[in-house]
mmCIF file of all heavy atoms, coordinates in Angstrom:
data_MODEL
# 
_entry.id   MODEL 
# 
loop_
_atom_site.group_PDB 
_atom_site.id 
_atom_site.type_symbol 
_atom_site.label_atom_id 
_atom_site.label_alt_id 
_atom_site.label_comp_id 
_atom_site.label_asym_id 
_atom_site.label_entity_id 
_atom_site.label_seq_id 
_atom_site.pdbx_PDB_ins_code 
_atom_site.Cartn_x 
_atom_site.Cartn_y 
_atom_site.Cartn_z 
_atom_site.occupancy 
_atom_site.B_iso_or_equiv 
_atom_site.pdbx_formal_charge 
_atom_site.auth_seq_id 
_atom_site.auth_comp_id 
_atom_site.auth_asym_id 
_atom_site.auth_atom_id 
_atom_site.pdbx_PDB_model_num 
ATOM 1   N N   . LYS A 1 1  ? 65.684 87.970  96.397  1.00 0.00 ? 1  LYS A N   1 
ATOM 2   C CA  . LYS A 1 1  ? 64.638 88.049  97.404  1.00 0.00 ? 1  LYS A CA  1 
ATOM 3   C C   . LYS A 1 1  ? 64.167 89.487  97.536  1.00 0.00 ? 1  LYS A C   1 
ATOM 4   O O   . LYS A 1 1  ? 64.925 90.436  97.417  1.00 0.00 ? 1  LYS A O   1 
ATOM 5   C CB  . LYS A 1 1  ? 65.161 87.529  98.747  1.00 0.00 ? 1  LYS A CB  1 
ATOM 6   C CG  . LYS A 1 1  ? 65.526 86.044  98.697  1.00 0.00 ? 1  LYS A CG  1 
ATOM 7   C CD  . LYS A 1 1  ? 66.016 85.575  100.045 1.00 0.00 ? 1  LYS A CD  1 
ATOM 8   C CE  . LYS A 1 1  ? 66.365 84.100  99.994  1.00 0.00 ? 1  LYS A CE  1 
ATOM 9   N NZ  . LYS A 1 1  ? 66.883 83.609  101.284 1.00 0.00 ? 1  LYS A NZ  1 
ATOM 10  N N   . LYS A 1 2  ? 62.883 89.657  97.871  1.00 0.00 ? 2  LYS A N   1 
ATOM 11  C CA  . LYS A 1 2  ? 62.294 90.978  97.904  1.00 0.00 ? 2  LYS A CA  1 
ATOM 12  C C   . LYS A 1 2  ? 62.531 91.704  99.221  1.00 0.00 ? 2  LYS A C   1 
ATOM 13  O O   . LYS A 1 2  ? 62.103 92.835  99.386  1.00 0.00 ? 2  LYS A O   1 
ATOM 14  C CB  . LYS A 1 2  ? 60.775 90.866  97.646  1.00 0.00 ? 2  LYS A CB  1 
ATOM 15  C CG  . LYS A 1 2  ? 60.439 90.246  96.298  1.00 0.00 ? 2  LYS A CG  1 
ATOM 16  C CD  . LYS A 1 2  ? 61.055 91.012  95.149  1.00 0.00 ? 2  LYS A CD  1 
ATOM 17  C CE  . LYS A 1 2  ? 60.690 90.401  93.804  1.00 0.00 ? 2  LYS A CE  1 
ATOM 18  N NZ  . LYS A 1 2  ? 61.326 91.088  92.694  1.00 0.00 ? 2  LYS A NZ  1 
ATOM 19  N N   . ASN A 1 3  ? 63.177 91.104  100.181 1.00 0.00 ? 3  ASN A N   1 
ATOM 20  C CA  . ASN A 1 3  ? 63.390 91.737  101.461 1.00 0.00 ? 3  ASN A CA  1 
ATOM 21  C C   . ASN A 1 3  ? 64.809 92.283  101.596 1.00 0.00 ? 3  ASN A C   1 
ATOM 22  O O   . ASN A 1 3  ? 65.360 92.380  102.680 1.00 0.00 ? 3  ASN A O   1 
ATOM 23  C CB  . ASN A 1 3  ? 63.100 90.757  102.602 1.00 0.00 ? 3  ASN A CB  1 
ATOM 24  C CG  . ASN A 1 3  ? 64.000 89.543  102.554 1.00 0.00 ? 3  ASN A CG  1 
ATOM 25  O OD1 . ASN A 1 3  ? 64.741 89.374  101.614 1.00 0.00 ? 3  ASN A OD1 1 
ATOM 26  N ND2 . ASN A 1 3  ? 63.890 88.694  103.569 1.00 0.00 ? 3  ASN A ND2 1 
ATOM 27  N N   . LEU A 1 4  ? 65.400 92.652  100.467 1.00 0.00 ? 4  LEU A N   1 
ATOM 28  C CA  . LEU A 1 4  ? 66.775 93.114  100.498 1.00 0.00 ? 4  LEU A CA  1 
ATOM 29  C C   . LEU A 1 4  ? 66.916 94.533  101.035 1.00 0.00 ? 4  LEU A C   1 
ATOM 30  O O   . LEU A 1 4  ? 68.003 94.971  101.342 1.00 0.00 ? 4  LEU A O   1 
ATOM 31  C CB  . LEU A 1 4  ? 67.373 93.054  99.089  1.00 0.00 ? 4  LEU A CB  1 
ATOM 32  C CG  . LEU A 1 4  ? 67.708 91.655  98.586  1.00 0.00 ? 4  LEU A CG  1 
ATOM 33  C CD1 . LEU A 1 4  ? 68.167 91.736  97.146  1.00 0.00 ? 4  LEU A CD1 1 
ATOM 34  C CD2 . LEU A 1 4  ? 68.772 90.995  99.445  1.00 0.00 ? 4  LEU A CD2 1 
ATOM 35  N N   . GLY A 1 5  ? 65.795 95.271  101.117 1.00 0.00 ? 5  GLY A N   1 
ATOM 36  C CA  . GLY A 1 5  ? 65.878 96.626  101.607 1.00 0.00 ? 5  GLY A CA  1 
ATOM 37  C C   . GLY A 1 5  ? 66.178 97.586  100.472 1.00 0.00 ? 5  GLY A C   1 
ATOM 38  O O   . GLY A 1 5  ? 66.002 97.276  99.297  1.00 0.00 ? 5  GLY A O   1 
ATOM 39  N N   . PRO A 1 6  ? 66.625 98.795  100.796 1.00 0.00 ? 6  PRO A N   1 
ATOM 40  C CA  . PRO A 1 6  ? 66.892 99.804  99.769  1.00 0.00 ? 6  PRO A CA  1 
ATOM 41  C C   . PRO A 1 6  ? 67.894 99.309  98.742  1.00 0.00 ? 6  PRO A C   1 
ATOM 42  O O   . PRO A 1 6  ? 68.803 98.546  99.043  1.00 0.00 ? 6  PRO A O   1 
ATOM 43  C CB  . PRO A 1 6  ? 67.460 100.977 100.578 1.00 0.00 ? 6  PRO A CB  1 
ATOM 44  C CG  . PRO A 1 6  ? 66.944 100.769 101.969 1.00 0.00 ? 6  PRO A CG  1 
ATOM 45  C CD  . PRO A 1 6  ? 66.857 99.285  102.152 1.00 0.00 ? 6  PRO A CD  1 
ATOM 46  N N   . ALA A 1 7  ? 67.741 99.790  97.522  1.00 0.00 ? 7  ALA A N   1 
ATOM 47  C CA  . ALA A 1 7  ? 68.620 99.340  96.437  1.00 0.00 ? 7  ALA A CA  1 
ATOM 48  C C   . ALA A 1 7  ? 70.075 99.620  96.754  1.00 0.00 ? 7  ALA A C   1 
ATOM 49  O O   . ALA A 1 7  ? 70.964 98.862  96.373  1.00 0.00 ? 7  ALA A O   1 
ATOM 50  C CB  . ALA A 1 7  ? 68.224 100.035 95.123  1.00 0.00 ? 7  ALA A CB  1 
ATOM 51  N N   . SER A 1 8  ? 70.320 100.698 97.454  1.00 0.00 ? 8  SER A N   1 
ATOM 52  C CA  . SER A 1 8  ? 71.698 101.054 97.755  1.00 0.00 ? 8  SER A CA  1 
ATOM 53  C C   . SER A 1 8  ? 72.356 100.079 98.710  1.00 0.00 ? 8  SER A C   1 
ATOM 54  O O   . SER A 1 8  ? 73.577 100.071 98.866  1.00 0.00 ? 8  SER A O   1 
ATOM 55  C CB  . SER A 1 8  ? 71.752 102.454 98.364  1.00 0.00 ? 8  SER A CB  1 
ATOM 56  O OG  . SER A 1 8  ? 71.004 102.488 99.573  1.00 0.00 ? 8  SER A OG  1 
ATOM 57  N N   . GLN A 1 9  ? 71.562 99.223  99.387  1.00 0.00 ? 9  GLN A N   1 
ATOM 58  C CA  . GLN A 1 9  ? 72.089 98.293  100.357 1.00 0.00 ? 9  GLN A CA  1 
ATOM 59  C C   . GLN A 1 9  ? 72.206 96.874  99.813  1.00 0.00 ? 9  GLN A C   1 
ATOM 60  O O   . GLN A 1 9  ? 72.426 95.932  100.555 1.00 0.00 ? 9  GLN A O   1 
ATOM 61  C CB  . GLN A 1 9  ? 71.215 98.294  101.625 1.00 0.00 ? 9  GLN A CB  1 
ATOM 62  C CG  . GLN A 1 9  ? 71.172 99.638  102.322 1.00 0.00 ? 9  GLN A CG  1 
ATOM 63  C CD  . GLN A 1 9  ? 70.246 99.618  103.523 1.00 0.00 ? 9  GLN A CD  1 
ATOM 64  O OE1 . GLN A 1 9  ? 69.801 98.563  103.959 1.00 0.00 ? 9  GLN A OE1 1 
ATOM 65  N NE2 . GLN A 1 9  ? 69.959 100.789 104.057 1.00 0.00 ? 9  GLN A NE2 1 
ATOM 66  N N   . LEU A 1 10 ? 72.026 96.698  98.512  1.00 0.00 ? 10 LEU A N   1 
ATOM 67  C CA  . LEU A 1 10 ? 72.119 95.364  97.925  1.00 0.00 ? 10 LEU A CA  1 
ATOM 68  C C   . LEU A 1 10 ? 73.490 94.762  98.208  1.00 0.00 ? 10 LEU A C   1 
ATOM 69  O O   . LEU A 1 10 ? 74.513 95.432  98.095  1.00 0.00 ? 10 LEU A O   1 
ATOM 70  C CB  . LEU A 1 10 ? 71.897 95.432  96.410  1.00 0.00 ? 10 LEU A CB  1 
ATOM 71  C CG  . LEU A 1 10 ? 70.443 95.628  95.962  1.00 0.00 ? 10 LEU A CG  1 
ATOM 72  C CD1 . LEU A 1 10 ? 70.395 95.775  94.461  1.00 0.00 ? 10 LEU A CD1 1 
ATOM 73  C CD2 . LEU A 1 10 ? 69.572 94.469  96.407  1.00 0.00 ? 10 LEU A CD2 1 
ATOM 74  N N   . ASP A 1 11 ? 73.491 93.473  98.568  1.00 0.00 ? 11 ASP A N   1 
ATOM 75  C CA  . ASP A 1 11 ? 74.701 92.747  98.912  1.00 0.00 ? 11 ASP A CA  1 
ATOM 76  C C   . ASP A 1 11 ? 75.313 92.160  97.649  1.00 0.00 ? 11 ASP A C   1 
ATOM 77  O O   . ASP A 1 11 ? 74.735 91.273  97.022  1.00 0.00 ? 11 ASP A O   1 
ATOM 78  C CB  . ASP A 1 11 ? 74.351 91.642  99.916  1.00 0.00 ? 11 ASP A CB  1 
ATOM 79  C CG  . ASP A 1 11 ? 75.581 90.900  100.425 1.00 0.00 ? 11 ASP A CG  1 
ATOM 80  O OD1 . ASP A 1 11 ? 76.623 90.951  99.753  1.00 0.00 ? 11 ASP A OD1 1 
ATOM 81  O OD2 . ASP A 1 11 ? 75.474 90.268  101.485 1.00 0.00 ? 11 ASP A OD2 1 
ATOM 82  N N   . ALA A 1 12 ? 76.488 92.657  97.266  1.00 0.00 ? 12 ALA A N   1 
ATOM 83  C CA  . ALA A 1 12 ? 77.116 92.183  96.024  1.00 0.00 ? 12 ALA A CA  1 
ATOM 84  C C   . ALA A 1 12 ? 77.405 90.696  96.074  1.00 0.00 ? 12 ALA A C   1 
ATOM 85  O O   . ALA A 1 12 ? 77.249 89.991  95.078  1.00 0.00 ? 12 ALA A O   1 
ATOM 86  C CB  . ALA A 1 12 ? 78.402 92.959  95.781  1.00 0.00 ? 12 ALA A CB  1 
ATOM 87  N N   . GLU A 1 13 ? 77.813 90.174  97.231  1.00 0.00 ? 13 GLU A N   1 
ATOM 88  C CA  . GLU A 1 13 ? 78.097 88.751  97.343  1.00 0.00 ? 13 GLU A CA  1 
ATOM 89  C C   . GLU A 1 13 ? 76.834 87.927  97.163  1.00 0.00 ? 13 GLU A C   1 
ATOM 90  O O   . GLU A 1 13 ? 76.841 86.860  96.551  1.00 0.00 ? 13 GLU A O   1 
ATOM 91  C CB  . GLU A 1 13 ? 78.749 88.449  98.693  1.00 0.00 ? 13 GLU A CB  1 
ATOM 92  C CG  . GLU A 1 13 ? 80.189 88.902  98.800  1.00 0.00 ? 13 GLU A CG  1 
ATOM 93  C CD  . GLU A 1 13 ? 81.069 88.292  97.712  1.00 0.00 ? 13 GLU A CD  1 
ATOM 94  O OE1 . GLU A 1 13 ? 80.948 87.078  97.477  1.00 0.00 ? 13 GLU A OE1 1 
ATOM 95  O OE2 . GLU A 1 13 ? 81.846 89.025  97.094  1.00 0.00 ? 13 GLU A OE2 1 
ATOM 96  N N   . ALA A 1 14 ? 75.711 88.417  97.687  1.00 0.00 ? 14 ALA A N   1 
ATOM 97  C CA  . ALA A 1 14 ? 74.436 87.708  97.506  1.00 0.00 ? 14 ALA A CA  1 
ATOM 98  C C   . ALA A 1 14 ? 74.040 87.689  96.037  1.00 0.00 ? 14 ALA A C   1 
ATOM 99  O O   . ALA A 1 14 ? 73.497 86.702  95.532  1.00 0.00 ? 14 ALA A O   1 
ATOM 100 C CB  . ALA A 1 14 ? 73.341 88.361  98.340  1.00 0.00 ? 14 ALA A CB  1 
ATOM 101 N N   . ILE A 1 15 ? 74.319 88.789  95.352  1.00 0.00 ? 15 ILE A N   1 
ATOM 102 C CA  . ILE A 1 15 ? 74.016 88.851  93.919  1.00 0.00 ? 15 ILE A CA  1 
ATOM 103 C C   . ILE A 1 15 ? 74.804 87.779  93.168  1.00 0.00 ? 15 ILE A C   1 
ATOM 104 O O   . ILE A 1 15 ? 74.276 87.038  92.350  1.00 0.00 ? 15 ILE A O   1 
ATOM 105 C CB  . ILE A 1 15 ? 74.350 90.253  93.358  1.00 0.00 ? 15 ILE A CB  1 
ATOM 106 C CG1 . ILE A 1 15 ? 73.404 91.288  93.968  1.00 0.00 ? 15 ILE A CG1 1 
ATOM 107 C CG2 . ILE A 1 15 ? 74.245 90.265  91.835  1.00 0.00 ? 15 ILE A CG2 1 
ATOM 108 C CD1 . ILE A 1 15 ? 73.807 92.717  93.670  1.00 0.00 ? 15 ILE A CD1 1 
ATOM 109 N N   . LEU A 1 16 ? 76.103 87.694  93.482  1.00 0.00 ? 16 LEU A N   1 
ATOM 110 C CA  . LEU A 1 16 ? 76.936 86.699  92.813  1.00 0.00 ? 16 LEU A CA  1 
ATOM 111 C C   . LEU A 1 16 ? 76.478 85.289  93.137  1.00 0.00 ? 16 LEU A C   1 
ATOM 112 O O   . LEU A 1 16 ? 76.463 84.409  92.275  1.00 0.00 ? 16 LEU A O   1 
ATOM 113 C CB  . LEU A 1 16 ? 78.393 86.891  93.224  1.00 0.00 ? 16 LEU A CB  1 
ATOM 114 C CG  . LEU A 1 16 ? 79.085 88.144  92.659  1.00 0.00 ? 16 LEU A CG  1 
ATOM 115 C CD1 . LEU A 1 16 ? 80.489 88.262  93.221  1.00 0.00 ? 16 LEU A CD1 1 
ATOM 116 C CD2 . LEU A 1 16 ? 79.113 88.117  91.142  1.00 0.00 ? 16 LEU A CD2 1 
ATOM 117 N N   . LYS A 1 17 ? 76.081 85.062  94.394  1.00 0.00 ? 17 LYS A N   1 
ATOM 118 C CA  . LYS A 1 17 ? 75.606 83.738  94.791  1.00 0.00 ? 17 LYS A CA  1 
ATOM 119 C C   . LYS A 1 17 ? 74.372 83.354  93.987  1.00 0.00 ? 17 LYS A C   1 
ATOM 120 O O   . LYS A 1 17 ? 74.258 82.228  93.484  1.00 0.00 ? 17 LYS A O   1 
ATOM 121 C CB  . LYS A 1 17 ? 75.298 83.726  96.280  1.00 0.00 ? 17 LYS A CB  1 
ATOM 122 C CG  . LYS A 1 17 ? 74.821 82.378  96.798  1.00 0.00 ? 17 LYS A CG  1 
ATOM 123 C CD  . LYS A 1 17 ? 74.562 82.443  98.303  1.00 0.00 ? 17 LYS A CD  1 
ATOM 124 C CE  . LYS A 1 17 ? 74.048 81.097  98.820  1.00 0.00 ? 17 LYS A CE  1 
ATOM 125 N NZ  . LYS A 1 17 ? 73.775 81.163  100.284 1.00 0.00 ? 17 LYS A NZ  1 
ATOM 126 N N   . ASP A 1 18 ? 73.410 84.276  93.850  1.00 0.00 ? 18 ASP A N   1 
ATOM 127 C CA  . ASP A 1 18 ? 72.206 83.996  93.076  1.00 0.00 ? 18 ASP A CA  1 
ATOM 128 C C   . ASP A 1 18 ? 72.538 83.775  91.608  1.00 0.00 ? 18 ASP A C   1 
ATOM 129 O O   . ASP A 1 18 ? 71.980 82.893  90.957  1.00 0.00 ? 18 ASP A O   1 
ATOM 130 C CB  . ASP A 1 18 ? 71.209 85.150  93.199  1.00 0.00 ? 18 ASP A CB  1 
ATOM 131 C CG  . ASP A 1 18 ? 70.396 85.085  94.479  1.00 0.00 ? 18 ASP A CG  1 
ATOM 132 O OD1 . ASP A 1 18 ? 70.505 84.062  95.181  1.00 0.00 ? 18 ASP A OD1 1 
ATOM 133 O OD2 . ASP A 1 18 ? 69.668 86.046  94.772  1.00 0.00 ? 18 ASP A OD2 1 
ATOM 134 N N   . ALA A 1 19 ? 73.474 84.557  91.093  1.00 0.00 ? 19 ALA A N   1 
ATOM 135 C CA  . ALA A 1 19 ? 73.831 84.408  89.681  1.00 0.00 ? 19 ALA A CA  1 
ATOM 136 C C   . ALA A 1 19 ? 74.470 83.058  89.419  1.00 0.00 ? 19 ALA A C   1 
ATOM 137 O O   . ALA A 1 19 ? 74.171 82.393  88.431  1.00 0.00 ? 19 ALA A O   1 
ATOM 138 C CB  . ALA A 1 19 ? 74.791 85.534  89.279  1.00 0.00 ? 19 ALA A CB  1 
ATOM 139 N N   . ARG A 1 20 ? 75.365 82.636  90.338  1.00 0.00 ? 20 ARG A N   1 
ATOM 140 C CA  . ARG A 1 20 ? 75.992 81.322  90.172  1.00 0.00 ? 20 ARG A CA  1 
ATOM 141 C C   . ARG A 1 20 ? 74.955 80.206  90.252  1.00 0.00 ? 20 ARG A C   1 
ATOM 142 O O   . ARG A 1 20 ? 75.012 79.235  89.521  1.00 0.00 ? 20 ARG A O   1 
ATOM 143 C CB  . ARG A 1 20 ? 77.066 81.136  91.235  1.00 0.00 ? 20 ARG A CB  1 
ATOM 144 C CG  . ARG A 1 20 ? 78.289 82.028  91.030  1.00 0.00 ? 20 ARG A CG  1 
ATOM 145 C CD  . ARG A 1 20 ? 79.405 81.659  91.987  1.00 0.00 ? 20 ARG A CD  1 
ATOM 146 N NE  . ARG A 1 20 ? 80.573 82.491  91.760  1.00 0.00 ? 20 ARG A NE  1 
ATOM 147 C CZ  . ARG A 1 20 ? 80.903 83.535  92.524  1.00 0.00 ? 20 ARG A CZ  1 
ATOM 148 N NH1 . ARG A 1 20 ? 80.148 83.855  93.569  1.00 0.00 ? 20 ARG A NH1 1 
ATOM 149 N NH2 . ARG A 1 20 ? 81.970 84.245  92.247  1.00 0.00 ? 20 ARG A NH2 1 
ATOM 150 N N   . ARG A 1 21 ? 73.975 80.343  91.142  1.00 0.00 ? 21 ARG A N   1 
ATOM 151 C CA  . ARG A 1 21 ? 72.930 79.339  91.246  1.00 0.00 ? 21 ARG A CA  1 
ATOM 152 C C   . ARG A 1 21 ? 72.103 79.287  89.977  1.00 0.00 ? 21 ARG A C   1 
ATOM 153 O O   . ARG A 1 21 ? 71.702 78.228  89.507  1.00 0.00 ? 21 ARG A O   1 
ATOM 154 C CB  . ARG A 1 21 ? 72.028 79.643  92.447  1.00 0.00 ? 21 ARG A CB  1 
ATOM 155 C CG  . ARG A 1 21 ? 71.010 78.528  92.730  1.00 0.00 ? 21 ARG A CG  1 
ATOM 156 C CD  . ARG A 1 21 ? 69.970 78.948  93.759  1.00 0.00 ? 21 ARG A CD  1 
ATOM 157 N NE  . ARG A 1 21 ? 69.144 80.012  93.221  1.00 0.00 ? 21 ARG A NE  1 
ATOM 158 C CZ  . ARG A 1 21 ? 69.009 81.196  93.782  1.00 0.00 ? 21 ARG A CZ  1 
ATOM 159 N NH1 . ARG A 1 21 ? 69.670 81.513  94.866  1.00 0.00 ? 21 ARG A NH1 1 
ATOM 160 N NH2 . ARG A 1 21 ? 68.222 82.129  93.243  1.00 0.00 ? 21 ARG A NH2 1 
ATOM 161 N N   . GLU A 1 22 ? 71.815 80.450  89.386  1.00 0.00 ? 22 GLU A N   1 
ATOM 162 C CA  . GLU A 1 22 ? 71.038 80.481  88.155  1.00 0.00 ? 22 GLU A CA  1 
ATOM 163 C C   . GLU A 1 22 ? 71.785 79.785  87.024  1.00 0.00 ? 22 GLU A C   1 
ATOM 164 O O   . GLU A 1 22 ? 71.186 79.095  86.201  1.00 0.00 ? 22 GLU A O   1 
ATOM 165 C CB  . GLU A 1 22 ? 70.732 81.931  87.757  1.00 0.00 ? 22 GLU A CB  1 
ATOM 166 C CG  . GLU A 1 22 ? 69.687 82.592  88.636  1.00 0.00 ? 22 GLU A CG  1 
ATOM 167 C CD  . GLU A 1 22 ? 68.322 81.949  88.486  1.00 0.00 ? 22 GLU A CD  1 
ATOM 168 O OE1 . GLU A 1 22 ? 68.018 81.419  87.403  1.00 0.00 ? 22 GLU A OE1 1 
ATOM 169 O OE2 . GLU A 1 22 ? 67.556 81.966  89.457  1.00 0.00 ? 22 GLU A OE2 1 
ATOM 170 N N   . LEU A 1 23 ? 73.103 79.960  86.965  1.00 0.00 ? 23 LEU A N   1 
ATOM 171 C CA  . LEU A 1 23 ? 73.864 79.277  85.917  1.00 0.00 ? 23 LEU A CA  1 
ATOM 172 C C   . LEU A 1 23 ? 73.849 77.776  86.121  1.00 0.00 ? 23 LEU A C   1 
ATOM 173 O O   . LEU A 1 23 ? 73.568 77.022  85.204  1.00 0.00 ? 23 LEU A O   1 
ATOM 174 C CB  . LEU A 1 23 ? 75.307 79.791  85.910  1.00 0.00 ? 23 LEU A CB  1 
ATOM 175 C CG  . LEU A 1 23 ? 75.522 81.106  85.151  1.00 0.00 ? 23 LEU A CG  1 
ATOM 176 C CD1 . LEU A 1 23 ? 76.889 81.654  85.429  1.00 0.00 ? 23 LEU A CD1 1 
ATOM 177 C CD2 . LEU A 1 23 ? 75.308 80.914  83.672  1.00 0.00 ? 23 LEU A CD2 1 
ATOM 178 N N   . ALA A 1 24 ? 74.165 77.324  87.328  1.00 0.00 ? 24 ALA A N   1 
ATOM 179 C CA  . ALA A 1 24 ? 74.088 75.906  87.692  1.00 0.00 ? 24 ALA A CA  1 
ATOM 180 C C   . ALA A 1 24 ? 74.672 75.001  86.622  1.00 0.00 ? 24 ALA A C   1 
ATOM 181 O O   . ALA A 1 24 ? 74.090 74.001  86.237  1.00 0.00 ? 24 ALA A O   1 
ATOM 182 C CB  . ALA A 1 24 ? 72.635 75.521  87.971  1.00 0.00 ? 24 ALA A CB  1 
ATOM 183 N N   . LEU A 1 25 ? 75.830 75.323  86.108  1.00 0.00 ? 25 LEU A N   1 
ATOM 184 C CA  . LEU A 1 25 ? 76.417 74.571  85.008  1.00 0.00 ? 25 LEU A CA  1 
ATOM 185 C C   . LEU A 1 25 ? 77.411 73.539  85.520  1.00 0.00 ? 25 LEU A C   1 
ATOM 186 O O   . LEU A 1 25 ? 78.156 73.802  86.455  1.00 0.00 ? 25 LEU A O   1 
ATOM 187 C CB  . LEU A 1 25 ? 77.150 75.520  84.052  1.00 0.00 ? 25 LEU A CB  1 
ATOM 188 C CG  . LEU A 1 25 ? 76.282 76.596  83.406  1.00 0.00 ? 25 LEU A CG  1 
ATOM 189 C CD1 . LEU A 1 25 ? 77.154 77.481  82.530  1.00 0.00 ? 25 LEU A CD1 1 
ATOM 190 C CD2 . LEU A 1 25 ? 75.179 75.977  82.589  1.00 0.00 ? 25 LEU A CD2 1 
ATOM 191 N N   . PRO A 1 26 ? 77.487 72.339  84.919  1.00 0.00 ? 26 PRO A N   1 
ATOM 192 C CA  . PRO A 1 26 ? 78.473 71.346  85.310  1.00 0.00 ? 26 PRO A CA  1 
ATOM 193 C C   . PRO A 1 26 ? 79.877 71.779  84.930  1.00 0.00 ? 26 PRO A C   1 
ATOM 194 O O   . PRO A 1 26 ? 80.100 72.773  84.260  1.00 0.00 ? 26 PRO A O   1 
ATOM 195 C CB  . PRO A 1 26 ? 78.039 70.092  84.547  1.00 0.00 ? 26 PRO A CB  1 
ATOM 196 C CG  . PRO A 1 26 ? 77.201 70.578  83.437  1.00 0.00 ? 26 PRO A CG  1 
ATOM 197 C CD  . PRO A 1 26 ? 76.550 71.836  83.907  1.00 0.00 ? 26 PRO A CD  1 
ATOM 198 N N   . SER A 1 27 ? 80.864 70.956  85.338  1.00 0.00 ? 27 SER A N   1 
ATOM 199 C CA  . SER A 1 27 ? 82.262 71.356  85.224  1.00 0.00 ? 27 SER A CA  1 
ATOM 200 C C   . SER A 1 27 ? 82.684 71.646  83.793  1.00 0.00 ? 27 SER A C   1 
ATOM 201 O O   . SER A 1 27 ? 83.536 72.500  83.557  1.00 0.00 ? 27 SER A O   1 
ATOM 202 C CB  . SER A 1 27 ? 83.157 70.256  85.802  1.00 0.00 ? 27 SER A CB  1 
ATOM 203 O OG  . SER A 1 27 ? 82.927 69.035  85.131  1.00 0.00 ? 27 SER A OG  1 
ATOM 204 N N   . ARG A 1 28 ? 82.103 70.967  82.829  1.00 0.00 ? 28 ARG A N   1 
ATOM 205 C CA  . ARG A 1 28 ? 82.539 71.197  81.449  1.00 0.00 ? 28 ARG A CA  1 
ATOM 206 C C   . ARG A 1 28 ? 82.080 72.557  80.937  1.00 0.00 ? 28 ARG A C   1 
ATOM 207 O O   . ARG A 1 28 ? 82.420 72.950  79.840  1.00 0.00 ? 28 ARG A O   1 
ATOM 208 C CB  . ARG A 1 28 ? 82.018 70.091  80.531  1.00 0.00 ? 28 ARG A CB  1 
ATOM 209 C CG  . ARG A 1 28 ? 80.516 69.990  80.453  1.00 0.00 ? 28 ARG A CG  1 
ATOM 210 C CD  . ARG A 1 28 ? 80.119 68.874  79.498  1.00 0.00 ? 28 ARG A CD  1 
ATOM 211 N NE  . ARG A 1 28 ? 78.685 68.637  79.512  1.00 0.00 ? 28 ARG A NE  1 
ATOM 212 C CZ  . ARG A 1 28 ? 78.043 67.981  78.553  1.00 0.00 ? 28 ARG A CZ  1 
ATOM 213 N NH1 . ARG A 1 28 ? 78.713 67.515  77.529  1.00 0.00 ? 28 ARG A NH1 1 
ATOM 214 N NH2 . ARG A 1 28 ? 76.755 67.789  78.626  1.00 0.00 ? 28 ARG A NH2 1 
ATOM 215 N N   . ARG A 1 29 ? 81.281 73.300  81.752  1.00 0.00 ? 29 ARG A N   1 
ATOM 216 C CA  . ARG A 1 29 ? 80.823 74.615  81.334  1.00 0.00 ? 29 ARG A CA  1 
ATOM 217 C C   . ARG A 1 29 ? 81.436 75.714  82.198  1.00 0.00 ? 29 ARG A C   1 
ATOM 218 O O   . ARG A 1 29 ? 80.890 76.799  82.320  1.00 0.00 ? 29 ARG A O   1 
ATOM 219 C CB  . ARG A 1 29 ? 79.304 74.677  81.419  1.00 0.00 ? 29 ARG A CB  1 
ATOM 220 C CG  . ARG A 1 29 ? 78.645 73.553  80.628  1.00 0.00 ? 29 ARG A CG  1 
ATOM 221 C CD  . ARG A 1 29 ? 77.164 73.491  80.913  1.00 0.00 ? 29 ARG A CD  1 
ATOM 222 N NE  . ARG A 1 29 ? 76.661 72.156  80.648  1.00 0.00 ? 29 ARG A NE  1 
ATOM 223 C CZ  . ARG A 1 29 ? 75.421 71.775  80.866  1.00 0.00 ? 29 ARG A CZ  1 
ATOM 224 N NH1 . ARG A 1 29 ? 74.552 72.597  81.356  1.00 0.00 ? 29 ARG A NH1 1 
ATOM 225 N NH2 . ARG A 1 29 ? 75.040 70.537  80.610  1.00 0.00 ? 29 ARG A NH2 1 
# 
């Protein structure tokens, strides 16, 4: 999302959440 604020304030957990959603792989993956 573009409202994350300064780059130094990026939320690492939010990054991981988005990355996991992008993968969206079933259990065999």
